[in-house]
C-alpha atoms as a PDB file:
ATOM      1  CA  VAL A   1     -84.052 -67.631 -82.774  1.00  0.00           C
ATOM      2  CA  ASP A   2     -80.406 -66.691 -81.870  1.00  0.00           C
ATOM      3  CA  ARG A   3     -77.843 -64.983 -84.108  1.00  0.00           C
ATOM      4  CA  TYR A   4     -76.648 -68.357 -85.403  1.00  0.00           C
ATOM      5  CA  GLY A   5     -80.141 -69.572 -86.435  1.00  0.00           C
ATOM      6  CA  ASN A   6     -80.780 -72.007 -83.548  1.00  0.00           C
ATOM      7  CA  GLU A   7     -84.481 -71.945 -82.716  1.00  0.00           C
ATOM      8  CA  GLU A   8     -86.115 -72.719 -79.410  1.00  0.00           C
ATOM      9  CA  GLU A   9     -88.892 -75.167 -79.887  1.00  0.00           C
ATOM     10  CA  SER A  10     -90.433 -75.394 -76.390  1.00  0.00           C
ATOM     11  CA  GLY A  11     -90.832 -71.716 -75.746  1.00  0.00           C
ATOM     12  CA  MET A  12     -93.881 -69.754 -74.849  1.00  0.00           C
ATOM     13  CA  SER A  13     -96.650 -69.298 -77.477  1.00  0.00           C
ATOM     14  CA  VAL A  14     -97.634 -65.576 -78.058  1.00  0.00           C
ATOM     15  CA  GLN A  15    -100.618 -64.347 -79.995  1.00  0.00           C
ATOM     16  CA  VAL A  16    -100.429 -61.124 -81.693  1.00  0.00           C
ATOM     17  CA  GLN A  17    -103.446 -59.221 -83.185  1.00  0.00           C
ATOM     18  CA  VAL A  18    -102.622 -56.532 -85.737  1.00  0.00           C
ATOM     19  CA  SER A  19    -105.169 -53.823 -86.158  1.00  0.00           C
ATOM     20  CA  GLY A  20    -105.622 -51.336 -88.960  1.00  0.00           C
ATOM     21  CA  PRO A  21    -103.239 -48.368 -89.137  1.00  0.00           C
ATOM     22  CA  LEU A  22    -103.629 -45.434 -86.860  1.00  0.00           C
ATOM     23  CA  GLN A  23    -104.711 -42.350 -88.706  1.00  0.00           C
ATOM     24  CA  GLN A  24    -104.077 -38.944 -86.978  1.00  0.00           C
ATOM     25  CA  MET A  25    -105.297 -35.539 -88.039  1.00  0.00           C
ATOM     26  CA  THR A  26    -105.198 -32.110 -86.407  1.00  0.00           C
ATOM     27  CA  LEU A  27    -108.438 -30.267 -86.647  1.00  0.00           C
ATOM     28  CA  ASN A  28    -109.610 -26.813 -85.463  1.00  0.00           C
ATOM     29  CA  ARG A  29    -112.396 -24.283 -86.067  1.00  0.00           C
ATOM     30  CA  THR A  30    -111.328 -23.647 -89.716  1.00  0.00           C
ATOM     31  CA  ASN A  31    -110.606 -27.214 -90.585  1.00  0.00           C
ATOM     32  CA  ARG A  32    -113.327 -29.104 -88.825  1.00  0.00           C
ATOM     33  CA  ILE A  33    -113.851 -32.223 -91.040  1.00  0.00           C
ATOM     34  CA  LEU A  34    -111.903 -35.466 -91.056  1.00  0.00           C
ATOM     35  CA  ASN A  35    -112.926 -37.249 -94.305  1.00  0.00           C
ATOM     36  CA  LEU A  36    -111.748 -40.837 -94.421  1.00  0.00           C
ATOM     37  CA  VAL A  37    -114.709 -42.269 -96.355  1.00  0.00           C
ATOM     38  CA  ASP A  38    -112.177 -43.539 -98.952  1.00  0.00           C
ATOM     39  CA  PRO A  39    -110.803 -45.888 -97.782  1.00  0.00           C
ATOM     40  CA  LEU A  40    -111.975 -46.254 -94.261  1.00  0.00           C
ATOM     41  CA  ARG A  41    -115.763 -45.398 -94.483  1.00  0.00           C
ATOM     42  CA  LEU A  42    -115.454 -42.909 -91.725  1.00  0.00           C
ATOM     43  CA  TRP A  43    -116.324 -39.163 -91.589  1.00  0.00           C
ATOM     44  CA  LEU A  44    -116.519 -36.849 -88.730  1.00  0.00           C
ATOM     45  CA  GLN A  45    -116.954 -33.100 -88.060  1.00  0.00           C
ATOM     46  CA  ILE A  46    -115.901 -31.422 -84.798  1.00  0.00           C
ATOM     47  CA  ALA A  47    -117.980 -28.675 -83.167  1.00  0.00           C
ATOM     48  CA  GLU A  48    -117.810 -24.991 -84.372  1.00  0.00           C
ATOM     49  CA  SER A  49    -117.155 -24.159 -80.730  1.00  0.00           C
ATOM     50  CA  THR A  50    -113.824 -25.997 -80.724  1.00  0.00           C
ATOM     51  CA  ILE A  51    -111.098 -24.053 -79.076  1.00  0.00           C
ATOM     52  CA  ASN A  52    -107.514 -24.408 -80.359  1.00  0.00           C
ATOM     53  CA  ASP A  53    -106.051 -27.418 -82.180  1.00  0.00           C
ATOM     54  CA  ALA A  54    -107.511 -30.865 -81.653  1.00  0.00           C
ATOM     55  CA  VAL A  55    -105.612 -34.029 -82.599  1.00  0.00           C
ATOM     56  CA  VAL A  56    -108.146 -36.617 -83.503  1.00  0.00           C
ATOM     57  CA  THR A  57    -106.893 -40.292 -83.751  1.00  0.00           C
ATOM     58  CA  VAL A  58    -108.616 -43.151 -85.549  1.00  0.00           C
ATOM     59  CA  THR A  59    -107.716 -46.812 -85.165  1.00  0.00           C
ATOM     60  CA  ASN A  60    -109.371 -49.075 -87.714  1.00  0.00           C
ATOM     61  CA  HIS A  61    -110.076 -52.499 -86.151  1.00  0.00           C
ATOM     62  CA  THR A  62    -111.800 -53.861 -89.318  1.00  0.00           C
ATOM     63  CA  THR A  63    -114.355 -56.458 -88.256  1.00  0.00           C
ATOM     64  CA  THR A  64    -112.533 -57.413 -85.052  1.00  0.00           C
ATOM     65  CA  ASN A  65    -114.273 -56.208 -81.881  1.00  0.00           C
ATOM     66  CA  PRO A  66    -111.471 -54.466 -79.827  1.00  0.00           C
ATOM     67  CA  THR A  67    -113.292 -55.065 -76.473  1.00  0.00           C
ATOM     68  CA  PRO A  68    -113.750 -58.198 -74.576  1.00  0.00           C
ATOM     69  CA  VAL A  69    -117.535 -57.767 -74.565  1.00  0.00           C
ATOM     70  CA  GLN A  70    -119.886 -58.726 -77.511  1.00  0.00           C
ATOM     71  CA  LEU A  71    -122.723 -56.612 -78.817  1.00  0.00           C
ATOM     72  CA  PRO A  72    -126.098 -57.329 -77.435  1.00  0.00           C
ATOM     73  CA  ALA A  73    -127.748 -60.498 -78.911  1.00  0.00           C
ATOM     74  CA  GLY A  74    -129.835 -59.631 -82.018  1.00  0.00           C
ATOM     75  CA  HIS A  75    -127.829 -56.366 -82.522  1.00  0.00           C
ATOM     76  CA  PRO A  76    -124.944 -57.261 -84.929  1.00  0.00           C
ATOM     77  CA  GLN A  77    -122.293 -55.072 -86.127  1.00  0.00           C
ATOM     78  CA  VAL A  78    -122.678 -53.494 -89.588  1.00  0.00           C
ATOM     79  CA  GLY A  79    -119.247 -52.936 -91.076  1.00  0.00           C
ATOM     80  CA  LYS A  80    -116.100 -51.925 -89.175  1.00  0.00           C
ATOM     81  CA  PHE A  81    -115.134 -51.219 -85.614  1.00  0.00           C
ATOM     82  CA  PHE A  82    -113.221 -48.071 -84.898  1.00  0.00           C
ATOM     83  CA  ASP A  83    -111.464 -46.646 -81.801  1.00  0.00           C
ATOM     84  CA  LEU A  84    -111.539 -42.736 -81.841  1.00  0.00           C
ATOM     85  CA  GLY A  85    -109.689 -40.439 -79.461  1.00  0.00           C
ATOM     86  CA  THR A  86    -108.860 -36.793 -79.024  1.00  0.00           C
ATOM     87  CA  ASN A  87    -106.771 -34.606 -76.834  1.00  0.00           C
ATOM     88  CA  ASN A  88    -109.316 -31.690 -76.863  1.00  0.00           C
ATOM     89  CA  LEU A  89    -112.744 -32.064 -75.155  1.00  0.00           C
ATOM     90  CA  THR A  90    -113.958 -28.863 -76.758  1.00  0.00           C
ATOM     91  CA  VAL A  91    -114.570 -30.888 -80.034  1.00  0.00           C
ATOM     92  CA  PHE A  92    -117.969 -32.135 -78.806  1.00  0.00           C
ATOM     93  CA  PRO A  93    -120.675 -32.560 -79.912  1.00  0.00           C
ATOM     94  CA  MET A  94    -118.914 -34.167 -82.761  1.00  0.00           C
ATOM     95  CA  GLU A  95    -120.830 -35.661 -85.780  1.00  0.00           C
ATOM     96  CA  VAL A  96    -119.602 -39.143 -86.737  1.00  0.00           C
ATOM     97  CA  ARG A  97    -120.720 -41.121 -89.776  1.00  0.00           C
ATOM     98  CA  LEU A  98    -119.921 -44.700 -90.714  1.00  0.00           C
ATOM     99  CA  TYR A  99    -120.699 -45.635 -94.243  1.00  0.00           C
ATOM    100  CA  TYR A 100    -121.946 -49.075 -95.157  1.00  0.00           C
ATOM    101  CA  THR A 101    -122.508 -51.233 -98.194  1.00  0.00           C
ATOM    102  CA  SER A 102    -125.106 -53.834 -99.238  1.00  0.00           C
ATOM    103  CA  ASP A 103    -122.587 -56.474 -98.509  1.00  0.00           C
ATOM    104  CA  ASP A 104    -122.187 -55.148 -94.965  1.00  0.00           C
ATOM    105  CA  LEU A 105    -125.992 -55.442 -94.502  1.00  0.00           C
ATOM    106  CA  ALA A 106    -125.971 -58.988 -95.827  1.00  0.00           C
ATOM    107  CA  THR A 107    -123.177 -60.048 -93.624  1.00  0.00           C
ATOM    108  CA  ALA A 108    -125.036 -58.632 -90.511  1.00  0.00           C
ATOM    109  CA  GLY A 109    -128.269 -60.386 -91.598  1.00  0.00           C
ATOM    110  CA  VAL A 110    -130.083 -57.036 -92.132  1.00  0.00           C
ATOM    111  CA  SER A 111    -133.028 -57.635 -94.518  1.00  0.00           C
ATOM    112  CA  ASP A 112    -134.363 -54.050 -94.314  1.00  0.00           C
ATOM    113  CA  GLU A 113    -132.417 -50.960 -93.763  1.00  0.00           C
ATOM    114  CA  ARG A 114    -135.019 -49.611 -91.306  1.00  0.00           C
ATOM    115  CA  GLN A 115    -133.437 -52.242 -88.949  1.00  0.00           C
ATOM    116  CA  LEU A 116    -130.332 -49.885 -88.772  1.00  0.00           C
ATOM    117  CA  GLU A 117    -130.205 -48.510 -85.261  1.00  0.00           C
ATOM    118  CA  GLY A 118    -127.221 -46.033 -85.478  1.00  0.00           C
ATOM    119  CA  ILE A 119    -123.801 -46.122 -83.802  1.00  0.00           C
ATOM    120  CA  ARG A 120    -123.035 -47.991 -80.609  1.00  0.00           C
ATOM    121  CA  PHE A 121    -120.108 -47.010 -78.302  1.00  0.00           C
ATOM    122  CA  TYR A 122    -118.337 -49.167 -75.690  1.00  0.00           C
ATOM    123  CA  ASN A 123    -119.231 -48.028 -72.144  1.00  0.00           C
ATOM    124  CA  LYS A 124    -115.999 -48.838 -70.314  1.00  0.00           C
ATOM    125  CA  GLU A 125    -117.552 -48.257 -66.833  1.00  0.00           C
ATOM    126  CA  ALA A 126    -120.662 -50.490 -67.433  1.00  0.00           C
ATOM    127  CA  LYS A 127    -118.671 -52.863 -69.616  1.00  0.00           C
ATOM    128  CA  ARG A 128    -121.300 -53.017 -72.357  1.00  0.00           C
ATOM    129  CA  TRP A 129    -122.180 -51.629 -75.860  1.00  0.00           C
ATOM    130  CA  GLN A 130    -124.847 -49.042 -75.920  1.00  0.00           C
ATOM    131  CA  LEU A 131    -126.287 -46.512 -78.471  1.00  0.00           C
ATOM    132  CA  TYR A 132    -125.363 -42.982 -78.488  1.00  0.00           C
ATOM    133  CA  SER A 133    -128.378 -40.851 -77.328  1.00  0.00           C
ATOM    134  CA  LYS A 134    -128.535 -38.938 -80.659  1.00  0.00           C
ATOM    135  CA  THR A 135    -128.017 -41.510 -83.464  1.00  0.00           C
ATOM    136  CA  GLY A 136    -129.705 -42.783 -86.580  1.00  0.00           C
ATOM    137  CA  ALA A 137    -129.368 -43.884 -90.232  1.00  0.00           C
ATOM    138  CA  ASN A 138    -129.405 -42.183 -93.613  1.00  0.00           C
ATOM    139  CA  THR A 139    -130.474 -45.000 -95.921  1.00  0.00           C
ATOM    140  CA  SER A 140    -130.054 -43.007 -99.270  1.00  0.00           C
ATOM    141  CA  ASP A 141    -127.502 -44.456-101.605  1.00  0.00           C
ATOM    142  CA  VAL A 142    -124.284 -42.415-101.567  1.00  0.00           C
ATOM    143  CA  SER A 143    -121.284 -42.317-103.976  1.00  0.00           C
ATOM    144  CA  VAL A 144    -117.981 -41.082-102.702  1.00  0.00           C
ATOM    145  CA  GLY A 145    -115.254 -40.982-105.394  1.00  0.00           C
ATOM    146  CA  ASN A 146    -115.442 -44.337-107.034  1.00  0.00           C
ATOM    147  CA  GLN A 147    -117.098 -46.104-104.140  1.00  0.00           C
ATOM    148  CA  ARG A 148    -120.902 -46.718-103.855  1.00  0.00           C
ATOM    149  CA  PHE A 149    -122.500 -46.990-100.411  1.00  0.00           C
ATOM    150  CA  ALA A 150    -125.967 -48.036 -99.394  1.00  0.00           C
ATOM    151  CA  GLY A 151    -125.977 -45.161 -96.887  1.00  0.00           C
ATOM    152  CA  TYR A 152    -124.454 -44.280 -93.485  1.00  0.00           C
ATOM    153  CA  VAL A 153    -125.335 -44.297 -89.807  1.00  0.00           C
ATOM    154  CA  TRP A 154    -124.498 -41.130 -87.799  1.00  0.00           C
ATOM    155  CA  ALA A 155    -124.256 -40.066 -84.194  1.00  0.00           C
ATOM    156  CA  MET A 156    -123.767 -36.778 -82.418  1.00  0.00           C
ATOM    157  CA  ALA A 157    -120.984 -38.106 -80.072  1.00  0.00           C
ATOM    158  CA  ASP A 158    -120.453 -36.419 -76.729  1.00  0.00           C
ATOM    159  CA  HIS A 159    -117.408 -38.725 -76.051  1.00  0.00           C
ATOM    160  CA  LEU A 160    -115.227 -41.161 -77.794  1.00  0.00           C
ATOM    161  CA  THR A 161    -114.524 -44.805 -77.281  1.00  0.00           C
ATOM    162  CA  PRO A 162    -114.643 -47.828 -79.461  1.00  0.00           C
ATOM    163  CA  LEU A 163    -117.680 -47.630 -81.704  1.00  0.00           C
ATOM    164  CA  VAL A 164    -119.586 -49.595 -84.431  1.00  0.00           C
ATOM    165  CA  ALA A 165    -122.655 -49.376 -86.495  1.00  0.00           C
ATOM    166  CA  SER A 166    -125.337 -51.864 -85.471  1.00  0.00           C
ATOM    167  CA  ALA A 167    -128.677 -53.114 -86.449  1.00  0.00           C
ATOM    168  CA  ASP A 168    -131.718 -54.499 -84.587  1.00  0.00           C
ATOM    169  CA  ILE A 169    -132.596 -57.989 -85.998  1.00  0.00           C
ATOM    170  CA  ALA A 170    -133.747 -59.318 -82.699  1.00  0.00           C
ATOM    171  CA  THR A 171    -137.106 -61.041 -82.865  1.00  0.00           C
ATOM    172  CA  PRO A 172    -139.630 -59.452 -80.321  1.00  0.00           C
ATOM    173  CA  SER A 173    -140.504 -61.516 -77.218  1.00  0.00           C
ATOM    174  CA  LYS A 174    -143.795 -63.248 -76.989  1.00  0.00           C
ATOM    175  CA  PRO A 175    -146.730 -61.143 -75.958  1.00  0.00           C
ATOM    176  CA  THR A 176    -148.063 -61.772 -72.454  1.00  0.00           C
ATOM    177  CA  ASN A 177    -151.426 -61.260 -70.840  1.00  0.00           C
ATOM    178  CA  LEU A 178    -153.411 -61.660 -74.066  1.00  0.00           C
ATOM    179  CA  ARG A 179    -157.064 -60.683 -73.569  1.00  0.00           C
ATOM    180  CA  ALA A 180    -159.968 -61.012 -76.024  1.00  0.00           C
ATOM    181  CA  LEU A 181    -163.208 -59.049 -75.731  1.00  0.00           C
ATOM    182  CA  SER A 182    -166.011 -60.108 -77.968  1.00  0.00           C
ATOM    183  CA  GLY A 183    -168.467 -57.607 -79.370  1.00  0.00           C
ATOM    184  CA  ASP A 184    -171.091 -57.344 -82.140  1.00  0.00           C
ATOM    185  CA  ARG A 185    -169.330 -58.915 -85.126  1.00  0.00           C
ATOM    186  CA  GLN A 186    -165.925 -58.081 -83.712  1.00  0.00           C
ATOM    187  CA  VAL A 187    -163.393 -59.147 -81.298  1.00  0.00           C
ATOM    188  CA  THR A 188    -160.943 -56.706 -79.578  1.00  0.00           C
ATOM    189  CA  LEU A 189    -157.443 -58.149 -78.725  1.00  0.00           C
ATOM    190  CA  SER A 190    -155.060 -56.539 -76.296  1.00  0.00           C
ATOM    191  CA  TRP A 191    -151.810 -57.634 -74.619  1.00  0.00           C
ATOM    192  CA  ASP A 192    -149.035 -56.212 -72.473  1.00  0.00           C
ATOM    193  CA  ARG A 193    -146.502 -54.141 -74.437  1.00  0.00           C
ATOM    194  CA  VAL A 194    -143.496 -56.115 -75.685  1.00  0.00           C
END
């Protein structure tokens, strides 16, 4: 549109995706916790061994995957995607918690909280989502301020990239090599591990 209000109709189409606001906080050995549970459902704590100040940035992507790669089939996201960053590598290992609600579980198709795997990160080199090596879930109900959560997933992060909570709702593959051995009023079944 020019200054006189004339609009070009045959121009190029541009798509713009707006993600959540960028949060930034400076942490150090005496101020190690970033508590964004209300409103973002994110909490993190940097290592006690952190040297000097560390700027930690958080981008909230809500439910939009910020990468071109989908999560593995049968391992849906639970809640929001975040992209975390820092200018100080002495903050690791960093404990990260992502809080979830019953609605988040229902949206992901999670029928049992034992299906929660923990936190997945996007591996930029391998171009795939994978679980942190130290990750899990706390399925106890938690109240933070006026908000009620069904629990949280956690990870001891040794690096930061886009991340999200995930669950394993994939059905197991069919067993192969089924064998039956008959005995006295019994049958022993065995098969290859699935």
